Amino acid sequence: MKLSREEILTALKRWNEAWGRYDLEGVLALMAPDVVFENWTGGKAVGLEALRKAWQPWFAQRDFRFIEEEMFVDEVDQKVLFRWHLEWPCPDKAHAGQQERRHGVDVIHLKDGKIINKLTFSKTTLTIGGQRCPLHL
């Protein structure tokens, strides 16, 4: 089953709203059972249960926010390029407690109306207090 461009945009709008509510189950609802997620650190989770386990502690903190900057939809190939920025407390010890802004891109592949691949890429610099800082992993 292929989604139309409007159906993809509607599904991703609901998905982004679930992120904004820290609704892990709502976020996972758009994922295929065998979803593959790769994050900006090289971490990888395969399958809904692995992804739920990896994301539960993060969602429990309820202190992050993804803001959509741009979205490109390829209806024919069922792919999305989602450019965003993340705002959250900086996890780096040198900047503990300060608000961080990180820019990134998700490459999303859909299959049968669900996300089968979510590949996340992030800039290697972030912004804290208006200053650019290197990303430490």
N, C-alpha and C. Protein backbone atom coordinates (compact mmCIF):
# COMPACT_ATOMS: atom_id res chain seq x y z
N MET A 1 0.84 -1.17 0.00
CA MET A 1 0.00 0.00 0.00
C MET A 1 0.89 1.24 0.00
N LYS A 2 0.69 2.09 -0.98
CA LYS A 2 1.42 3.34 -1.04
C LYS A 2 0.51 4.47 -0.59
N LEU A 3 1.09 5.39 0.17
CA LEU A 3 0.36 6.56 0.63
C LEU A 3 0.49 7.68 -0.39
N SER A 4 -0.57 8.48 -0.53
CA SER A 4 -0.48 9.67 -1.36
C SER A 4 0.38 10.71 -0.63
N ARG A 5 0.76 11.74 -1.34
CA ARG A 5 1.55 12.81 -0.73
C ARG A 5 0.79 13.40 0.47
N GLU A 6 -0.51 13.64 0.30
CA GLU A 6 -1.32 14.20 1.40
C GLU A 6 -1.40 13.24 2.56
N GLU A 7 -1.53 11.95 2.30
CA GLU A 7 -1.58 10.97 3.38
C GLU A 7 -0.25 10.91 4.14
N ILE A 8 0.85 11.03 3.41
CA ILE A 8 2.17 11.05 4.06
C ILE A 8 2.28 12.28 4.95
N LEU A 9 1.91 13.44 4.42
CA LEU A 9 2.00 14.68 5.20
C LEU A 9 1.09 14.62 6.43
N THR A 10 -0.10 14.07 6.28
CA THR A 10 -1.03 13.94 7.42
C THR A 10 -0.47 12.99 8.47
N ALA A 11 0.07 11.86 8.03
CA ALA A 11 0.64 10.88 8.97
C ALA A 11 1.83 11.50 9.71
N LEU A 12 2.69 12.21 9.01
CA LEU A 12 3.86 12.81 9.67
C LEU A 12 3.46 13.98 10.57
N LYS A 13 2.39 14.67 10.23
CA LYS A 13 1.90 15.71 11.14
C LYS A 13 1.45 15.08 12.45
N ARG A 14 0.68 13.99 12.39
CA ARG A 14 0.25 13.30 13.62
C ARG A 14 1.47 12.76 14.38
N TRP A 15 2.45 12.26 13.64
CA TRP A 15 3.67 11.72 14.23
C TRP A 15 4.43 12.81 14.98
N ASN A 16 4.59 13.98 14.33
CA ASN A 16 5.28 15.11 14.97
C ASN A 16 4.51 15.61 16.19
N GLU A 17 3.19 15.60 16.13
CA GLU A 17 2.39 15.99 17.28
C GLU A 17 2.61 15.02 18.44
N ALA A 18 2.73 13.73 18.14
CA ALA A 18 3.00 12.73 19.20
C ALA A 18 4.36 13.01 19.84
N TRP A 19 5.37 13.37 19.03
CA TRP A 19 6.68 13.74 19.60
C TRP A 19 6.49 14.91 20.57
N GLY A 20 5.71 15.89 20.16
CA GLY A 20 5.50 17.08 20.99
C GLY A 20 4.77 16.79 22.29
N ARG A 21 3.99 15.71 22.34
CA ARG A 21 3.28 15.32 23.57
C ARG A 21 4.08 14.31 24.39
N TYR A 22 5.27 13.97 23.93
CA TYR A 22 6.10 12.92 24.56
C TYR A 22 5.32 11.60 24.63
N ASP A 23 4.59 11.32 23.56
CA ASP A 23 3.73 10.15 23.45
C ASP A 23 4.48 9.07 22.66
N LEU A 24 5.27 8.29 23.38
CA LEU A 24 6.09 7.26 22.73
C LEU A 24 5.24 6.30 21.92
N GLU A 25 4.13 5.86 22.46
CA GLU A 25 3.27 4.91 21.73
C GLU A 25 2.70 5.56 20.47
N GLY A 26 2.37 6.84 20.55
CA GLY A 26 1.90 7.56 19.37
C GLY A 26 2.97 7.67 18.30
N VAL A 27 4.21 7.89 18.71
CA VAL A 27 5.34 7.94 17.77
C VAL A 27 5.54 6.56 17.14
N LEU A 28 5.52 5.53 17.96
CA LEU A 28 5.75 4.18 17.47
C LEU A 28 4.62 3.66 16.59
N ALA A 29 3.44 4.26 16.70
CA ALA A 29 2.28 3.80 15.92
C ALA A 29 2.52 3.92 14.41
N LEU A 30 3.37 4.84 13.98
CA LEU A 30 3.64 5.00 12.56
C LEU A 30 4.81 4.12 12.10
N MET A 31 5.45 3.42 13.02
CA MET A 31 6.61 2.59 12.69
C MET A 31 6.19 1.17 12.33
N ALA A 32 6.89 0.60 11.35
CA ALA A 32 6.67 -0.80 10.98
C ALA A 32 7.24 -1.70 12.08
N PRO A 33 6.71 -2.91 12.25
CA PRO A 33 7.22 -3.82 13.28
C PRO A 33 8.73 -4.09 13.15
N ASP A 34 9.24 -4.07 11.92
CA ASP A 34 10.66 -4.34 11.68
C ASP A 34 11.43 -3.07 11.33
N VAL A 35 11.00 -1.94 11.88
CA VAL A 35 11.64 -0.66 11.64
C VAL A 35 13.13 -0.72 11.98
N VAL A 36 13.91 0.03 11.21
CA VAL A 36 15.34 0.19 11.49
C VAL A 36 15.57 1.67 11.76
N PHE A 37 16.12 1.96 12.94
CA PHE A 37 16.44 3.33 13.33
C PHE A 37 17.93 3.41 13.57
N GLU A 38 18.56 4.40 12.95
CA GLU A 38 19.98 4.70 13.20
C GLU A 38 20.05 6.15 13.65
N ASN A 39 20.73 6.38 14.79
CA ASN A 39 20.82 7.75 15.28
C ASN A 39 22.15 8.39 14.93
N TRP A 40 22.31 9.65 15.35
CA TRP A 40 23.49 10.44 14.97
C TRP A 40 24.77 9.96 15.63
N THR A 41 24.67 9.12 16.64
CA THR A 41 25.89 8.60 17.29
C THR A 41 26.35 7.28 16.68
N GLY A 42 25.56 6.76 15.73
CA GLY A 42 25.86 5.46 15.15
C GLY A 42 25.08 4.34 15.81
N GLY A 43 24.30 4.68 16.85
CA GLY A 43 23.46 3.68 17.50
C GLY A 43 22.39 3.18 16.55
N LYS A 44 21.96 1.96 16.77
CA LYS A 44 20.99 1.35 15.88
C LYS A 44 20.02 0.50 16.69
N ALA A 45 18.74 0.60 16.34
CA ALA A 45 17.71 -0.24 16.94
C ALA A 45 16.92 -0.87 15.80
N VAL A 46 16.67 -2.15 15.90
CA VAL A 46 15.91 -2.86 14.87
C VAL A 46 14.67 -3.45 15.52
N GLY A 47 13.51 -3.06 15.02
CA GLY A 47 12.24 -3.55 15.52
C GLY A 47 11.62 -2.62 16.55
N LEU A 48 10.30 -2.69 16.64
CA LEU A 48 9.56 -1.80 17.56
C LEU A 48 9.97 -1.97 19.01
N GLU A 49 10.16 -3.19 19.45
CA GLU A 49 10.49 -3.41 20.86
C GLU A 49 11.86 -2.84 21.20
N ALA A 50 12.83 -3.02 20.32
CA ALA A 50 14.17 -2.45 20.55
C ALA A 50 14.10 -0.93 20.57
N LEU A 51 13.30 -0.37 19.67
CA LEU A 51 13.17 1.09 19.61
C LEU A 51 12.45 1.61 20.86
N ARG A 52 11.40 0.94 21.28
CA ARG A 52 10.69 1.33 22.50
C ARG A 52 11.65 1.32 23.69
N LYS A 53 12.42 0.27 23.82
CA LYS A 53 13.37 0.15 24.94
C LYS A 53 14.42 1.26 24.89
N ALA A 54 14.91 1.57 23.69
CA ALA A 54 15.94 2.61 23.54
C ALA A 54 15.38 4.00 23.85
N TRP A 55 14.14 4.26 23.48
CA TRP A 55 13.57 5.59 23.60
C TRP A 55 12.83 5.83 24.92
N GLN A 56 12.42 4.80 25.63
CA GLN A 56 11.64 5.01 26.86
C GLN A 56 12.31 5.96 27.85
N PRO A 57 13.59 5.79 28.19
CA PRO A 57 14.21 6.72 29.15
C PRO A 57 14.22 8.17 28.65
N TRP A 58 14.43 8.33 27.36
CA TRP A 58 14.47 9.67 26.77
C TRP A 58 13.10 10.32 26.85
N PHE A 59 12.06 9.59 26.47
CA PHE A 59 10.70 10.13 26.52
C PHE A 59 10.28 10.41 27.95
N ALA A 60 10.74 9.63 28.90
CA ALA A 60 10.37 9.82 30.32
C ALA A 60 10.89 11.16 30.85
N GLN A 61 11.98 11.66 30.30
CA GLN A 61 12.55 12.93 30.76
C GLN A 61 11.67 14.12 30.38
N ARG A 62 10.96 14.01 29.26
CA ARG A 62 10.01 15.04 28.81
C ARG A 62 10.65 16.43 28.76
N ASP A 63 11.87 16.50 28.25
CA ASP A 63 12.55 17.79 28.23
C ASP A 63 13.16 18.13 26.87
N PHE A 64 12.65 17.52 25.82
CA PHE A 64 13.16 17.80 24.48
C PHE A 64 12.02 18.27 23.58
N ARG A 65 12.42 18.93 22.50
CA ARG A 65 11.43 19.42 21.55
C ARG A 65 12.05 19.44 20.16
N PHE A 66 11.40 18.75 19.22
CA PHE A 66 11.81 18.79 17.82
C PHE A 66 10.95 19.82 17.10
N ILE A 67 11.59 20.71 16.36
CA ILE A 67 10.88 21.73 15.60
C ILE A 67 11.16 21.48 14.12
N GLU A 68 10.09 21.30 13.37
CA GLU A 68 10.22 21.07 11.93
C GLU A 68 10.72 22.34 11.25
N GLU A 69 11.72 22.16 10.39
CA GLU A 69 12.22 23.28 9.59
C GLU A 69 11.81 23.13 8.13
N GLU A 70 11.83 21.89 7.65
CA GLU A 70 11.52 21.64 6.25
C GLU A 70 11.19 20.17 6.07
N MET A 71 10.31 19.89 5.09
CA MET A 71 10.00 18.50 4.80
C MET A 71 9.83 18.34 3.29
N PHE A 72 10.52 17.34 2.74
CA PHE A 72 10.40 17.00 1.33
C PHE A 72 9.80 15.60 1.25
N VAL A 73 8.79 15.44 0.42
CA VAL A 73 8.11 14.15 0.30
C VAL A 73 8.25 13.65 -1.13
N ASP A 74 8.73 12.42 -1.27
CA ASP A 74 8.78 11.73 -2.56
C ASP A 74 7.67 10.68 -2.53
N GLU A 75 6.53 11.03 -3.08
CA GLU A 75 5.37 10.15 -3.06
C GLU A 75 5.63 8.85 -3.83
N VAL A 76 6.31 8.94 -4.96
CA VAL A 76 6.56 7.76 -5.80
C VAL A 76 7.38 6.73 -5.05
N ASP A 77 8.49 7.15 -4.43
CA ASP A 77 9.37 6.22 -3.73
C ASP A 77 9.06 6.08 -2.25
N GLN A 78 8.04 6.82 -1.77
CA GLN A 78 7.61 6.74 -0.37
C GLN A 78 8.77 7.06 0.57
N LYS A 79 9.39 8.22 0.32
CA LYS A 79 10.52 8.67 1.12
C LYS A 79 10.28 10.11 1.56
N VAL A 80 10.84 10.45 2.72
CA VAL A 80 10.70 11.79 3.27
C VAL A 80 12.05 12.25 3.77
N LEU A 81 12.36 13.50 3.51
CA LEU A 81 13.52 14.15 4.10
C LEU A 81 12.97 15.21 5.04
N PHE A 82 13.26 15.04 6.33
CA PHE A 82 12.69 15.89 7.38
C PHE A 82 13.83 16.63 8.06
N ARG A 83 13.90 17.96 7.82
CA ARG A 83 14.94 18.77 8.46
C ARG A 83 14.35 19.41 9.69
N TRP A 84 15.08 19.34 10.82
CA TRP A 84 14.56 19.74 12.11
C TRP A 84 15.65 20.39 12.94
N HIS A 85 15.25 20.97 14.05
CA HIS A 85 16.21 21.27 15.10
C HIS A 85 15.62 20.79 16.42
N LEU A 86 16.51 20.39 17.29
CA LEU A 86 16.18 19.85 18.59
C LEU A 86 16.57 20.85 19.65
N GLU A 87 15.68 21.11 20.58
CA GLU A 87 15.98 21.95 21.75
C GLU A 87 15.81 21.09 22.98
N TRP A 88 16.84 21.10 23.85
CA TRP A 88 16.81 20.30 25.08
C TRP A 88 17.96 20.70 25.97
N PRO A 89 17.96 20.27 27.23
CA PRO A 89 19.10 20.56 28.11
C PRO A 89 20.35 19.83 27.60
N CYS A 90 21.43 20.53 27.51
CA CYS A 90 22.66 19.96 26.98
C CYS A 90 23.15 18.82 27.88
N PRO A 91 23.41 17.64 27.29
CA PRO A 91 23.92 16.53 28.09
C PRO A 91 25.42 16.59 28.35
N ASP A 92 26.13 17.49 27.66
CA ASP A 92 27.57 17.62 27.82
C ASP A 92 27.88 18.23 29.19
N LYS A 93 28.79 17.62 29.95
CA LYS A 93 29.10 18.08 31.31
C LYS A 93 29.58 19.53 31.34
N ALA A 94 30.28 19.96 30.30
CA ALA A 94 30.79 21.33 30.27
C ALA A 94 29.67 22.36 30.17
N HIS A 95 28.50 21.94 29.72
CA HIS A 95 27.37 22.87 29.54
C HIS A 95 26.12 22.37 30.25
N ALA A 96 26.27 21.56 31.26
CA ALA A 96 25.14 20.93 31.95
C ALA A 96 24.09 21.97 32.35
N GLY A 97 22.85 21.64 32.02
CA GLY A 97 21.73 22.49 32.40
C GLY A 97 21.42 23.60 31.43
N GLN A 98 22.32 23.91 30.50
CA GLN A 98 22.07 24.96 29.53
C GLN A 98 21.25 24.39 28.36
N GLN A 99 20.43 25.25 27.77
CA GLN A 99 19.62 24.84 26.63
C GLN A 99 20.49 24.67 25.39
N GLU A 100 20.31 23.57 24.71
CA GLU A 100 21.08 23.26 23.50
C GLU A 100 20.14 23.26 22.30
N ARG A 101 20.66 23.70 21.17
CA ARG A 101 19.94 23.61 19.90
C ARG A 101 20.82 22.82 18.94
N ARG A 102 20.28 21.75 18.42
CA ARG A 102 21.00 20.86 17.51
C ARG A 102 20.19 20.73 16.22
N HIS A 103 20.87 20.86 15.08
CA HIS A 103 20.21 20.75 13.78
C HIS A 103 20.47 19.38 13.18
N GLY A 104 19.45 18.83 12.51
CA GLY A 104 19.61 17.53 11.90
C GLY A 104 18.59 17.25 10.82
N VAL A 105 18.73 16.06 10.27
CA VAL A 105 17.89 15.59 9.17
C VAL A 105 17.54 14.13 9.43
N ASP A 106 16.30 13.79 9.18
CA ASP A 106 15.87 12.40 9.17
C ASP A 106 15.58 12.01 7.72
N VAL A 107 16.13 10.89 7.31
CA VAL A 107 15.78 10.28 6.03
C VAL A 107 14.84 9.14 6.40
N ILE A 108 13.61 9.25 5.93
CA ILE A 108 12.55 8.31 6.32
C ILE A 108 12.07 7.56 5.09
N HIS A 109 12.01 6.23 5.20
CA HIS A 109 11.46 5.38 4.15
C HIS A 109 10.17 4.76 4.67
N LEU A 110 9.14 4.79 3.84
CA LEU A 110 7.86 4.21 4.20
C LEU A 110 7.62 2.93 3.39
N LYS A 111 6.97 1.98 4.03
CA LYS A 111 6.58 0.75 3.34
C LYS A 111 5.22 0.34 3.90
N ASP A 112 4.27 0.12 3.02
CA ASP A 112 2.92 -0.26 3.44
C ASP A 112 2.34 0.72 4.46
N GLY A 113 2.63 2.02 4.27
CA GLY A 113 2.05 3.06 5.11
C GLY A 113 2.73 3.26 6.45
N LYS A 114 3.85 2.59 6.69
CA LYS A 114 4.57 2.70 7.97
C LYS A 114 6.03 3.06 7.72
N ILE A 115 6.68 3.64 8.72
CA ILE A 115 8.11 3.94 8.62
C ILE A 115 8.89 2.65 8.79
N ILE A 116 9.66 2.31 7.77
CA ILE A 116 10.49 1.09 7.82
C ILE A 116 11.94 1.44 8.14
N ASN A 117 12.38 2.64 7.75
CA ASN A 117 13.73 3.13 8.06
C ASN A 117 13.64 4.58 8.52
N LYS A 118 14.33 4.89 9.60
CA LYS A 118 14.48 6.27 10.07
C LYS A 118 15.97 6.46 10.35
N LEU A 119 16.61 7.17 9.46
CA LEU A 119 18.06 7.38 9.54
C LEU A 119 18.28 8.84 9.92
N THR A 120 18.88 9.07 11.08
CA THR A 120 19.03 10.41 11.64
C THR A 120 20.47 10.89 11.53
N PHE A 121 20.61 12.10 11.02
CA PHE A 121 21.93 12.72 10.87
C PHE A 121 21.88 14.07 11.56
N SER A 122 22.99 14.44 12.22
CA SER A 122 23.04 15.68 12.97
C SER A 122 24.33 16.42 12.64
N LYS A 123 24.25 17.74 12.70
CA LYS A 123 25.46 18.54 12.55
C LYS A 123 26.43 18.22 13.68
N THR A 124 27.67 18.48 13.47
CA THR A 124 28.68 18.20 14.50
C THR A 124 28.94 19.41 15.39
N THR A 125 28.14 20.46 15.19
CA THR A 125 28.17 21.60 16.11
C THR A 125 26.75 21.83 16.61
N LEU A 126 26.66 22.44 17.77
CA LEU A 126 25.37 22.79 18.33
C LEU A 126 25.47 24.19 18.88
N THR A 127 24.33 24.75 19.24
CA THR A 127 24.31 26.12 19.74
C THR A 127 23.86 26.12 21.21
N ILE A 128 24.67 26.75 22.05
CA ILE A 128 24.35 26.91 23.47
C ILE A 128 24.58 28.37 23.82
N GLY A 129 23.55 29.02 24.32
CA GLY A 129 23.67 30.43 24.69
C GLY A 129 24.09 31.30 23.52
N GLY A 130 23.63 30.97 22.32
CA GLY A 130 23.98 31.74 21.13
C GLY A 130 25.36 31.47 20.57
N GLN A 131 26.12 30.59 21.20
CA GLN A 131 27.47 30.26 20.76
C GLN A 131 27.52 28.87 20.13
N ARG A 132 28.27 28.73 19.05
CA ARG A 132 28.47 27.42 18.43
C ARG A 132 29.48 26.63 19.24
N CYS A 133 29.16 25.37 19.47
CA CYS A 133 30.02 24.49 20.25
C CYS A 133 30.16 23.16 19.51
N PRO A 134 31.31 22.51 19.63
CA PRO A 134 31.46 21.19 19.00
C PRO A 134 30.62 20.16 19.73
N LEU A 135 30.11 19.20 18.99
CA LEU A 135 29.35 18.10 19.55
C LEU A 135 30.32 17.07 20.09
N HIS A 136 30.18 16.70 21.36
CA HIS A 136 31.03 15.68 21.98
C HIS A 136 30.19 14.44 22.17
N LEU A 137 30.67 13.32 21.66
CA LEU A 137 29.92 12.06 21.81
C LEU A 137 30.56 11.19 22.85
